[in-house]
N, C-alpha and C. Protein backbone atom coordinates (compact mmCIF):
# COMPACT_ATOMS: atom_id res chain seq x y z
N MET A 1 -12.19 -23.93 -228.41
CA MET A 1 -13.27 -24.23 -226.93
C MET A 1 -12.82 -23.00 -226.22
N ARG A 2 -11.49 -22.63 -225.87
CA ARG A 2 -11.54 -21.90 -225.13
C ARG A 2 -12.40 -20.47 -225.64
N GLU A 3 -12.16 -20.40 -226.72
CA GLU A 3 -12.89 -19.00 -227.34
C GLU A 3 -14.28 -18.84 -227.32
N LEU A 4 -15.22 -20.10 -227.16
CA LEU A 4 -16.19 -20.09 -226.77
C LEU A 4 -16.67 -19.67 -225.06
N VAL A 5 -16.27 -20.25 -224.61
CA VAL A 5 -16.11 -19.99 -223.24
C VAL A 5 -15.64 -18.15 -223.10
N LEU A 6 -15.02 -17.91 -223.23
CA LEU A 6 -14.50 -16.74 -223.26
C LEU A 6 -15.26 -15.87 -223.45
N PHE A 7 -15.84 -15.72 -224.55
CA PHE A 7 -16.61 -15.16 -225.15
C PHE A 7 -18.17 -14.89 -224.18
N ILE A 8 -18.98 -16.26 -224.00
CA ILE A 8 -20.02 -16.43 -223.47
C ILE A 8 -19.44 -15.87 -221.72
N SER A 9 -18.44 -15.93 -221.14
CA SER A 9 -18.34 -15.50 -219.62
C SER A 9 -18.11 -13.87 -220.18
N ARG A 10 -17.48 -13.74 -220.73
CA ARG A 10 -17.59 -11.81 -221.19
C ARG A 10 -18.93 -11.23 -221.26
N SER A 11 -19.80 -11.86 -221.55
CA SER A 11 -21.22 -11.28 -221.99
C SER A 11 -21.63 -11.27 -220.54
N LEU A 12 -21.30 -12.00 -220.16
CA LEU A 12 -22.44 -12.12 -218.70
C LEU A 12 -21.87 -11.45 -217.60
N VAL A 13 -20.68 -10.87 -217.51
CA VAL A 13 -19.91 -10.13 -216.46
C VAL A 13 -20.25 -8.76 -216.56
N ASP A 14 -19.60 -7.84 -215.41
CA ASP A 14 -19.82 -6.60 -215.34
C ASP A 14 -18.08 -6.00 -215.53
N HIS A 15 -17.40 -7.05 -215.34
CA HIS A 15 -16.15 -6.30 -215.84
C HIS A 15 -15.19 -7.38 -216.73
N PRO A 16 -15.91 -7.73 -217.85
CA PRO A 16 -15.25 -8.41 -218.99
C PRO A 16 -13.86 -8.23 -218.97
N GLU A 17 -13.45 -7.30 -219.10
CA GLU A 17 -12.01 -7.11 -219.49
C GLU A 17 -10.61 -8.01 -217.85
N GLN A 18 -11.31 -8.75 -217.10
CA GLN A 18 -10.87 -9.04 -215.96
C GLN A 18 -10.99 -10.88 -216.05
N VAL A 19 -11.88 -11.04 -217.27
CA VAL A 19 -12.08 -12.55 -217.31
C VAL A 19 -10.99 -13.08 -218.13
N GLU A 20 -10.63 -14.11 -218.08
CA GLU A 20 -9.66 -15.60 -218.22
C GLU A 20 -10.09 -16.22 -217.94
N VAL A 21 -9.56 -17.38 -219.32
CA VAL A 21 -9.79 -18.86 -219.29
C VAL A 21 -8.58 -19.58 -219.78
N PHE A 22 -8.10 -20.53 -218.62
CA PHE A 22 -6.72 -21.46 -218.70
C PHE A 22 -7.08 -22.61 -219.19
N GLU A 23 -6.32 -22.92 -220.21
CA GLU A 23 -6.66 -24.60 -220.68
C GLU A 23 -5.60 -25.61 -219.72
N VAL A 24 -5.84 -26.22 -219.06
CA VAL A 24 -4.95 -27.22 -218.52
C VAL A 24 -5.22 -28.84 -218.88
N GLU A 25 -4.22 -29.28 -219.16
CA GLU A 25 -4.36 -30.61 -219.81
C GLU A 25 -4.28 -31.48 -218.64
N ASN A 26 -4.55 -32.98 -218.52
CA ASN A 26 -4.41 -33.49 -217.21
C ASN A 26 -4.91 -35.01 -217.86
N GLU A 27 -4.94 -36.27 -216.82
CA GLU A 27 -5.43 -37.21 -217.39
C GLU A 27 -6.81 -37.60 -217.55
N ARG A 28 -7.26 -37.08 -217.21
CA ARG A 28 -9.21 -37.21 -217.62
C ARG A 28 -9.49 -36.30 -218.52
N GLY A 29 -8.55 -35.29 -219.38
CA GLY A 29 -8.66 -34.37 -220.65
C GLY A 29 -8.50 -32.72 -220.43
N LEU A 30 -9.11 -32.49 -220.77
CA LEU A 30 -8.54 -30.99 -221.05
C LEU A 30 -9.64 -30.12 -219.74
N VAL A 31 -9.27 -29.27 -219.11
CA VAL A 31 -9.47 -28.50 -218.25
C VAL A 31 -9.79 -26.96 -218.73
N LEU A 32 -10.96 -26.42 -218.80
CA LEU A 32 -10.91 -24.78 -219.31
C LEU A 32 -11.36 -24.05 -217.74
N GLN A 33 -10.26 -23.45 -217.08
CA GLN A 33 -10.62 -22.85 -215.77
C GLN A 33 -11.01 -21.14 -216.13
N VAL A 34 -12.16 -20.87 -215.67
CA VAL A 34 -12.62 -19.44 -215.93
C VAL A 34 -12.69 -18.74 -215.02
N LYS A 35 -11.54 -17.56 -215.20
CA LYS A 35 -11.24 -16.78 -213.63
C LYS A 35 -11.76 -15.41 -213.91
N VAL A 36 -12.76 -14.87 -213.14
CA VAL A 36 -13.68 -13.97 -213.04
C VAL A 36 -13.19 -13.03 -212.10
N ALA A 37 -13.69 -11.80 -212.24
CA ALA A 37 -13.56 -11.09 -211.25
C ALA A 37 -14.39 -11.51 -210.14
N PRO A 38 -14.07 -10.97 -208.65
CA PRO A 38 -14.93 -11.62 -207.40
C PRO A 38 -16.24 -11.75 -207.20
N GLU A 39 -16.41 -10.44 -207.44
CA GLU A 39 -17.96 -9.76 -207.52
C GLU A 39 -18.55 -10.17 -208.56
N ASP A 40 -17.86 -10.66 -209.65
CA ASP A 40 -18.91 -11.38 -210.75
C ASP A 40 -19.03 -13.30 -210.50
N VAL A 41 -18.54 -13.82 -209.71
CA VAL A 41 -18.72 -15.42 -209.94
C VAL A 41 -19.60 -15.38 -209.76
N GLY A 42 -21.15 -14.89 -209.14
CA GLY A 42 -22.26 -15.35 -209.09
C GLY A 42 -22.73 -15.07 -209.96
N LYS A 43 -22.20 -13.86 -210.85
CA LYS A 43 -23.43 -14.06 -212.25
C LYS A 43 -22.79 -15.18 -213.30
N VAL A 44 -21.67 -15.63 -213.08
CA VAL A 44 -21.18 -16.80 -214.05
C VAL A 44 -21.32 -18.14 -213.55
N ILE A 45 -21.52 -18.14 -211.99
CA ILE A 45 -22.43 -19.29 -211.76
C ILE A 45 -23.77 -19.62 -211.92
N GLY A 46 -24.48 -18.52 -211.20
CA GLY A 46 -26.47 -18.16 -211.41
C GLY A 46 -26.72 -19.01 -210.03
N LYS A 47 -28.15 -19.04 -210.23
CA LYS A 47 -28.90 -19.58 -209.24
C LYS A 47 -28.82 -21.26 -209.34
N GLN A 48 -28.10 -21.66 -208.06
CA GLN A 48 -28.21 -23.17 -208.22
C GLN A 48 -27.53 -23.68 -209.47
N GLY A 49 -26.16 -22.89 -209.82
CA GLY A 49 -25.47 -23.50 -210.91
C GLY A 49 -26.15 -23.17 -212.32
N ARG A 50 -26.89 -22.87 -212.32
CA ARG A 50 -28.05 -23.37 -213.63
C ARG A 50 -27.20 -22.36 -214.89
N ILE A 51 -26.24 -21.46 -214.63
CA ILE A 51 -25.20 -20.66 -215.70
C ILE A 51 -24.35 -21.34 -215.97
N ALA A 52 -24.05 -21.69 -214.89
CA ALA A 52 -22.60 -23.13 -215.34
C ALA A 52 -23.01 -24.37 -215.84
N LYS A 53 -23.97 -24.75 -215.38
CA LYS A 53 -24.69 -25.75 -215.99
C LYS A 53 -24.24 -25.77 -217.13
N ALA A 54 -25.22 -24.88 -217.95
CA ALA A 54 -25.95 -24.11 -219.35
C ALA A 54 -23.93 -24.57 -220.01
N ILE A 55 -23.35 -23.52 -219.34
CA ILE A 55 -21.62 -23.32 -220.14
C ILE A 55 -21.19 -24.38 -220.22
N ARG A 56 -21.30 -25.22 -219.25
CA ARG A 56 -20.98 -27.08 -219.55
C ARG A 56 -21.59 -27.76 -220.43
N SER A 57 -22.95 -27.88 -220.61
CA SER A 57 -23.51 -28.29 -221.70
C SER A 57 -23.12 -27.86 -223.01
N LEU A 58 -23.07 -26.31 -223.42
CA LEU A 58 -23.19 -25.88 -224.18
C LEU A 58 -21.45 -26.25 -225.13
N VAL A 59 -20.21 -26.20 -224.30
CA VAL A 59 -19.09 -27.00 -224.44
C VAL A 59 -19.31 -28.38 -224.64
N LYS A 60 -19.75 -29.15 -224.03
CA LYS A 60 -20.09 -30.63 -224.08
C LYS A 60 -20.62 -30.80 -225.74
N ALA A 61 -21.44 -30.04 -225.97
CA ALA A 61 -22.19 -30.01 -227.20
C ALA A 61 -21.16 -29.55 -228.51
N ALA A 62 -20.35 -28.78 -228.17
CA ALA A 62 -19.39 -28.20 -229.54
C ALA A 62 -18.46 -29.04 -229.22
N SER A 63 -18.10 -29.89 -228.48
CA SER A 63 -16.87 -30.69 -228.33
C SER A 63 -17.42 -31.89 -228.52
N SER A 64 -18.46 -32.44 -229.26
CA SER A 64 -18.86 -33.98 -229.30
C SER A 64 -17.61 -34.57 -230.84
N HIS A 65 -17.09 -33.72 -231.17
CA HIS A 65 -16.39 -34.34 -232.77
C HIS A 65 -14.96 -34.23 -231.68
N GLU A 66 -14.67 -33.97 -230.47
CA GLU A 66 -13.32 -33.97 -230.49
C GLU A 66 -13.69 -35.41 -229.43
N THR A 67 -12.04 -35.82 -229.73
CA THR A 67 -11.37 -37.53 -228.82
C THR A 67 -11.40 -37.54 -227.54
N ARG A 68 -11.28 -35.94 -226.88
CA ARG A 68 -10.90 -35.67 -225.28
C ARG A 68 -11.80 -35.38 -225.04
N ARG A 69 -12.18 -35.28 -223.68
CA ARG A 69 -12.91 -34.91 -222.83
C ARG A 69 -12.88 -33.26 -222.58
N ILE A 70 -13.50 -32.55 -222.26
CA ILE A 70 -13.59 -31.11 -221.85
C ILE A 70 -14.56 -31.04 -220.73
N MET A 71 -13.47 -30.25 -219.74
CA MET A 71 -14.46 -29.90 -218.82
C MET A 71 -13.73 -28.47 -218.43
N VAL A 72 -15.36 -27.62 -217.50
CA VAL A 72 -14.78 -26.31 -217.65
C VAL A 72 -15.25 -26.16 -215.90
N ASP A 73 -14.22 -25.67 -215.12
CA ASP A 73 -14.25 -25.33 -213.86
C ASP A 73 -14.30 -23.26 -213.24
N ILE A 74 -14.83 -22.67 -212.85
CA ILE A 74 -14.77 -21.80 -212.38
C ILE A 74 -14.32 -21.22 -211.12
N LEU A 75 -13.54 -20.93 -211.28
CA LEU A 75 -12.62 -20.31 -210.53
C LEU A 75 -13.10 -18.75 -209.75
N SER A 76 -12.68 -18.91 -208.35
CA SER A 76 -13.44 -17.72 -207.16
C SER A 76 -12.33 -17.02 -206.80
């Protein structure tokens, strides 16, 4: 799942070499934290969060066979 989020995020930004995705396990499931360059945060979030919501929807659909919950957070 990390690779999917990494690929999508790198496709959206101007500085793909600065995109990092961290996996953090907590009591609620797996959290994928996306870190991008400060000037690229808006491109990953999108207007009114539409791109971020689309990324979360893709991850949810791709992880439907997983037993644990997978969430996506975008770090600034």
